[in-house]
N, C-alpha and C. Protein backbone atom coordinates (compact mmCIF):
# COMPACT_ATOMS: atom_id res chain seq x y z
N MET A 1 -132.65 45.64 60.46
CA MET A 1 -132.21 45.89 61.82
C MET A 1 -132.31 47.38 62.15
N ILE A 2 -131.87 48.22 61.20
CA ILE A 2 -131.92 49.67 61.45
C ILE A 2 -133.36 50.11 61.68
N GLY A 3 -134.28 49.59 60.87
CA GLY A 3 -135.69 49.94 61.02
C GLY A 3 -136.26 49.51 62.36
N LEU A 4 -135.91 48.31 62.78
CA LEU A 4 -136.40 47.80 64.07
C LEU A 4 -135.89 48.66 65.22
N LEU A 5 -134.59 48.95 65.22
CA LEU A 5 -134.02 49.75 66.31
C LEU A 5 -134.60 51.17 66.34
N THR A 6 -134.79 51.75 65.16
CA THR A 6 -135.35 53.10 65.09
C THR A 6 -136.80 53.11 65.57
N ALA A 7 -137.56 52.09 65.19
CA ALA A 7 -138.96 52.00 65.61
C ALA A 7 -139.08 51.87 67.12
N VAL A 8 -138.21 51.09 67.72
CA VAL A 8 -138.23 50.94 69.18
C VAL A 8 -137.97 52.29 69.85
N ALA A 9 -136.97 53.02 69.38
CA ALA A 9 -136.66 54.33 69.96
C ALA A 9 -137.82 55.31 69.75
N ALA A 10 -138.40 55.30 68.56
CA ALA A 10 -139.49 56.23 68.25
C ALA A 10 -140.75 55.93 69.07
N ALA A 11 -140.91 54.69 69.50
CA ALA A 11 -142.10 54.32 70.27
C ALA A 11 -142.05 54.81 71.72
N HIS A 12 -140.89 55.24 72.18
CA HIS A 12 -140.81 55.71 73.57
C HIS A 12 -141.62 57.00 73.70
N PRO A 13 -142.47 57.10 74.72
CA PRO A 13 -143.34 58.27 74.85
C PRO A 13 -142.60 59.60 75.06
N LEU A 14 -141.36 59.56 75.53
CA LEU A 14 -140.62 60.81 75.74
C LEU A 14 -139.68 61.15 74.59
N ALA A 15 -139.68 60.34 73.54
CA ALA A 15 -138.86 60.64 72.36
C ALA A 15 -139.52 61.75 71.54
N THR A 16 -138.72 62.71 71.09
CA THR A 16 -139.28 63.77 70.26
C THR A 16 -139.55 63.26 68.85
N LYS A 17 -140.50 63.90 68.19
CA LYS A 17 -140.80 63.58 66.79
C LYS A 17 -139.85 64.34 65.86
N ASN A 18 -139.41 65.51 66.33
CA ASN A 18 -138.52 66.34 65.53
C ASN A 18 -137.46 66.94 66.44
N PRO A 19 -136.24 66.51 66.40
CA PRO A 19 -135.74 65.51 65.46
C PRO A 19 -136.19 64.11 65.84
N ALA A 20 -136.39 63.31 64.84
CA ALA A 20 -136.81 61.92 65.04
C ALA A 20 -135.61 61.07 65.45
N PRO A 21 -135.86 59.98 66.15
CA PRO A 21 -134.76 59.06 66.46
C PRO A 21 -134.09 58.57 65.18
N GLN A 22 -132.83 58.23 65.27
CA GLN A 22 -132.12 57.69 64.12
C GLN A 22 -131.18 56.59 64.59
N THR A 23 -130.92 55.67 63.69
CA THR A 23 -130.01 54.56 63.96
C THR A 23 -128.98 54.51 62.86
N LEU A 24 -127.73 54.40 63.26
CA LEU A 24 -126.61 54.32 62.32
C LEU A 24 -125.83 53.04 62.59
N MET A 25 -125.43 52.36 61.53
CA MET A 25 -124.51 51.24 61.72
C MET A 25 -123.12 51.83 61.79
N THR A 26 -122.41 51.50 62.87
CA THR A 26 -121.11 52.13 63.10
C THR A 26 -119.93 51.20 62.84
N GLY A 27 -120.19 49.91 62.62
CA GLY A 27 -119.07 49.04 62.30
C GLY A 27 -119.35 47.58 62.59
N PHE A 28 -118.29 46.82 62.43
CA PHE A 28 -118.32 45.39 62.70
C PHE A 28 -117.39 45.10 63.86
N GLY A 29 -117.90 44.44 64.90
CA GLY A 29 -117.05 44.00 66.00
C GLY A 29 -116.59 42.58 65.72
N SER A 30 -115.79 42.02 66.59
CA SER A 30 -115.31 40.65 66.38
C SER A 30 -116.46 39.65 66.43
N ASP A 31 -117.49 39.94 67.19
CA ASP A 31 -118.66 39.06 67.30
C ASP A 31 -119.96 39.87 67.22
N SER A 32 -119.94 40.99 66.49
CA SER A 32 -121.13 41.84 66.53
C SER A 32 -121.24 42.73 65.30
N LEU A 33 -122.45 43.22 65.09
CA LEU A 33 -122.72 44.36 64.23
C LEU A 33 -122.99 45.50 65.20
N ASP A 34 -122.35 46.63 65.01
CA ASP A 34 -122.45 47.73 65.98
C ASP A 34 -123.34 48.85 65.44
N PHE A 35 -124.29 49.29 66.27
CA PHE A 35 -125.23 50.34 65.90
C PHE A 35 -125.21 51.43 66.96
N ASP A 36 -125.51 52.64 66.53
CA ASP A 36 -125.67 53.78 67.43
C ASP A 36 -127.10 54.26 67.27
N VAL A 37 -127.90 54.15 68.32
CA VAL A 37 -129.29 54.60 68.31
C VAL A 37 -129.33 55.97 68.98
N ARG A 38 -129.83 56.94 68.25
CA ARG A 38 -129.91 58.31 68.78
C ARG A 38 -131.36 58.70 68.96
N LEU A 39 -131.64 59.22 70.15
CA LEU A 39 -133.00 59.60 70.51
C LEU A 39 -132.92 60.95 71.22
N TRP A 40 -133.81 61.83 70.89
CA TRP A 40 -133.86 63.14 71.54
C TRP A 40 -135.11 63.21 72.40
N THR A 41 -135.01 64.01 73.47
CA THR A 41 -136.14 64.19 74.38
C THR A 41 -136.14 65.62 74.90
N ASP A 42 -137.30 66.08 75.26
CA ASP A 42 -137.42 67.41 75.89
C ASP A 42 -137.26 67.31 77.40
N ASP A 43 -137.23 66.09 77.93
CA ASP A 43 -137.14 65.87 79.38
C ASP A 43 -135.79 65.24 79.71
N TYR A 44 -134.73 66.05 79.67
CA TYR A 44 -133.37 65.54 79.86
C TYR A 44 -133.17 64.90 81.22
N ASP A 45 -133.92 65.34 82.23
CA ASP A 45 -133.78 64.75 83.57
C ASP A 45 -134.12 63.26 83.59
N GLN A 46 -134.83 62.79 82.57
CA GLN A 46 -135.24 61.38 82.50
C GLN A 46 -134.35 60.55 81.58
N TRP A 47 -133.19 61.09 81.15
CA TRP A 47 -132.39 60.41 80.13
C TRP A 47 -131.97 59.00 80.53
N LEU A 48 -131.62 58.79 81.80
CA LEU A 48 -131.18 57.46 82.22
C LEU A 48 -132.34 56.46 82.19
N GLN A 49 -133.52 56.90 82.62
CA GLN A 49 -134.70 56.03 82.56
C GLN A 49 -135.07 55.73 81.11
N ILE A 50 -135.00 56.75 80.25
CA ILE A 50 -135.30 56.56 78.83
C ILE A 50 -134.33 55.55 78.22
N LYS A 51 -133.05 55.70 78.52
CA LYS A 51 -132.04 54.77 78.01
C LYS A 51 -132.36 53.35 78.44
N SER A 52 -132.67 53.16 79.72
CA SER A 52 -133.01 51.84 80.23
C SER A 52 -134.25 51.28 79.53
N ASP A 53 -135.28 52.11 79.40
CA ASP A 53 -136.51 51.68 78.73
C ASP A 53 -136.25 51.22 77.31
N VAL A 54 -135.43 51.98 76.58
CA VAL A 54 -135.15 51.65 75.18
C VAL A 54 -134.32 50.37 75.08
N ILE A 55 -133.38 50.18 75.98
CA ILE A 55 -132.58 48.95 75.97
C ILE A 55 -133.47 47.73 76.24
N VAL A 56 -134.34 47.83 77.22
CA VAL A 56 -135.25 46.72 77.54
C VAL A 56 -136.20 46.46 76.36
N ALA A 57 -136.76 47.52 75.80
CA ALA A 57 -137.67 47.37 74.66
C ALA A 57 -136.95 46.79 73.44
N THR A 58 -135.68 47.16 73.26
CA THR A 58 -134.89 46.61 72.16
C THR A 58 -134.68 45.11 72.35
N THR A 59 -134.35 44.71 73.56
CA THR A 59 -134.16 43.29 73.87
C THR A 59 -135.44 42.51 73.56
N ASP A 60 -136.58 43.05 73.97
CA ASP A 60 -137.87 42.41 73.71
C ASP A 60 -138.16 42.34 72.21
N ALA A 61 -137.91 43.43 71.48
CA ALA A 61 -138.17 43.47 70.04
C ALA A 61 -137.28 42.49 69.28
N LEU A 62 -136.03 42.38 69.68
CA LEU A 62 -135.13 41.42 69.03
C LEU A 62 -135.61 39.99 69.28
N ALA A 63 -136.02 39.69 70.50
CA ALA A 63 -136.53 38.35 70.81
C ALA A 63 -137.79 38.04 70.01
N GLU A 64 -138.69 39.02 69.92
CA GLU A 64 -139.93 38.83 69.17
C GLU A 64 -139.64 38.59 67.69
N ALA A 65 -138.62 39.26 67.16
CA ALA A 65 -138.24 39.09 65.75
C ALA A 65 -137.35 37.87 65.55
N LYS A 66 -137.11 37.13 66.62
CA LYS A 66 -136.25 35.93 66.60
C LYS A 66 -134.83 36.25 66.12
N ILE A 67 -134.34 37.40 66.57
CA ILE A 67 -132.96 37.81 66.30
C ILE A 67 -132.17 37.58 67.58
N ALA A 68 -131.21 36.69 67.51
CA ALA A 68 -130.40 36.36 68.69
C ALA A 68 -129.17 37.25 68.74
N ILE A 69 -128.76 37.59 69.94
CA ILE A 69 -127.53 38.34 70.14
C ILE A 69 -126.42 37.32 70.34
N PRO A 70 -125.44 37.29 69.44
CA PRO A 70 -124.38 36.29 69.59
C PRO A 70 -123.41 36.67 70.71
N PHE A 71 -123.05 35.69 71.47
CA PHE A 71 -122.05 35.88 72.51
C PHE A 71 -120.88 34.95 72.21
N PRO A 72 -119.67 35.42 72.40
CA PRO A 72 -118.52 34.55 72.14
C PRO A 72 -118.58 33.29 73.00
N GLN A 73 -118.19 32.19 72.41
CA GLN A 73 -118.16 30.92 73.14
C GLN A 73 -116.73 30.40 73.11
N ARG A 74 -116.27 29.94 74.23
CA ARG A 74 -114.93 29.39 74.33
C ARG A 74 -115.04 27.91 74.71
N ASP A 75 -114.29 27.09 74.02
CA ASP A 75 -114.20 25.67 74.37
C ASP A 75 -112.85 25.44 75.01
N LEU A 76 -112.85 24.75 76.12
CA LEU A 76 -111.63 24.45 76.85
C LEU A 76 -111.31 22.97 76.67
N HIS A 77 -110.13 22.69 76.14
CA HIS A 77 -109.68 21.31 75.93
C HIS A 77 -108.49 21.06 76.85
N LEU A 78 -108.63 20.09 77.74
CA LEU A 78 -107.55 19.75 78.67
C LEU A 78 -106.82 18.52 78.14
N GLN A 79 -105.52 18.64 78.01
CA GLN A 79 -104.71 17.50 77.57
C GLN A 79 -104.58 16.49 78.70
N SER A 80 -104.26 16.98 79.87
CA SER A 80 -104.18 16.13 81.05
C SER A 80 -104.33 17.03 82.27
N ILE A 81 -104.71 16.43 83.35
CA ILE A 81 -104.89 17.21 84.57
C ILE A 81 -104.38 16.38 85.75
N ASP A 82 -103.70 17.04 86.64
CA ASP A 82 -103.17 16.39 87.84
C ASP A 82 -104.35 16.00 88.73
N PRO A 83 -104.48 14.74 89.15
CA PRO A 83 -105.60 14.32 90.00
C PRO A 83 -105.75 15.15 91.26
N VAL A 84 -104.66 15.66 91.81
CA VAL A 84 -104.73 16.48 93.01
C VAL A 84 -105.47 17.78 92.71
N VAL A 85 -105.21 18.36 91.55
CA VAL A 85 -105.87 19.61 91.16
C VAL A 85 -107.35 19.36 90.90
N ALA A 86 -107.69 18.21 90.37
CA ALA A 86 -109.08 17.89 90.03
C ALA A 86 -109.96 17.77 91.26
N ASP A 87 -109.38 17.43 92.40
CA ASP A 87 -110.18 17.29 93.62
C ASP A 87 -110.45 18.64 94.16
């Protein structure tokens, strides 16, 4: 995972080679593995576009690698419901 995320960041045309992008695993969430992707650029005015580009490219790379992003799922079980409320 770290290699994939780093490769996506490094592939951005505005990412610097030195320092190179880096990815760190920062922890475990309740439904996630948490990573921090760091990328440097000489064109700071484009940081928001670069961030968007990298997020979209990451989503595409994860899908291509058949890595799914887990989302919490909730099941709702109703014991009984008032017919008036159901309408």
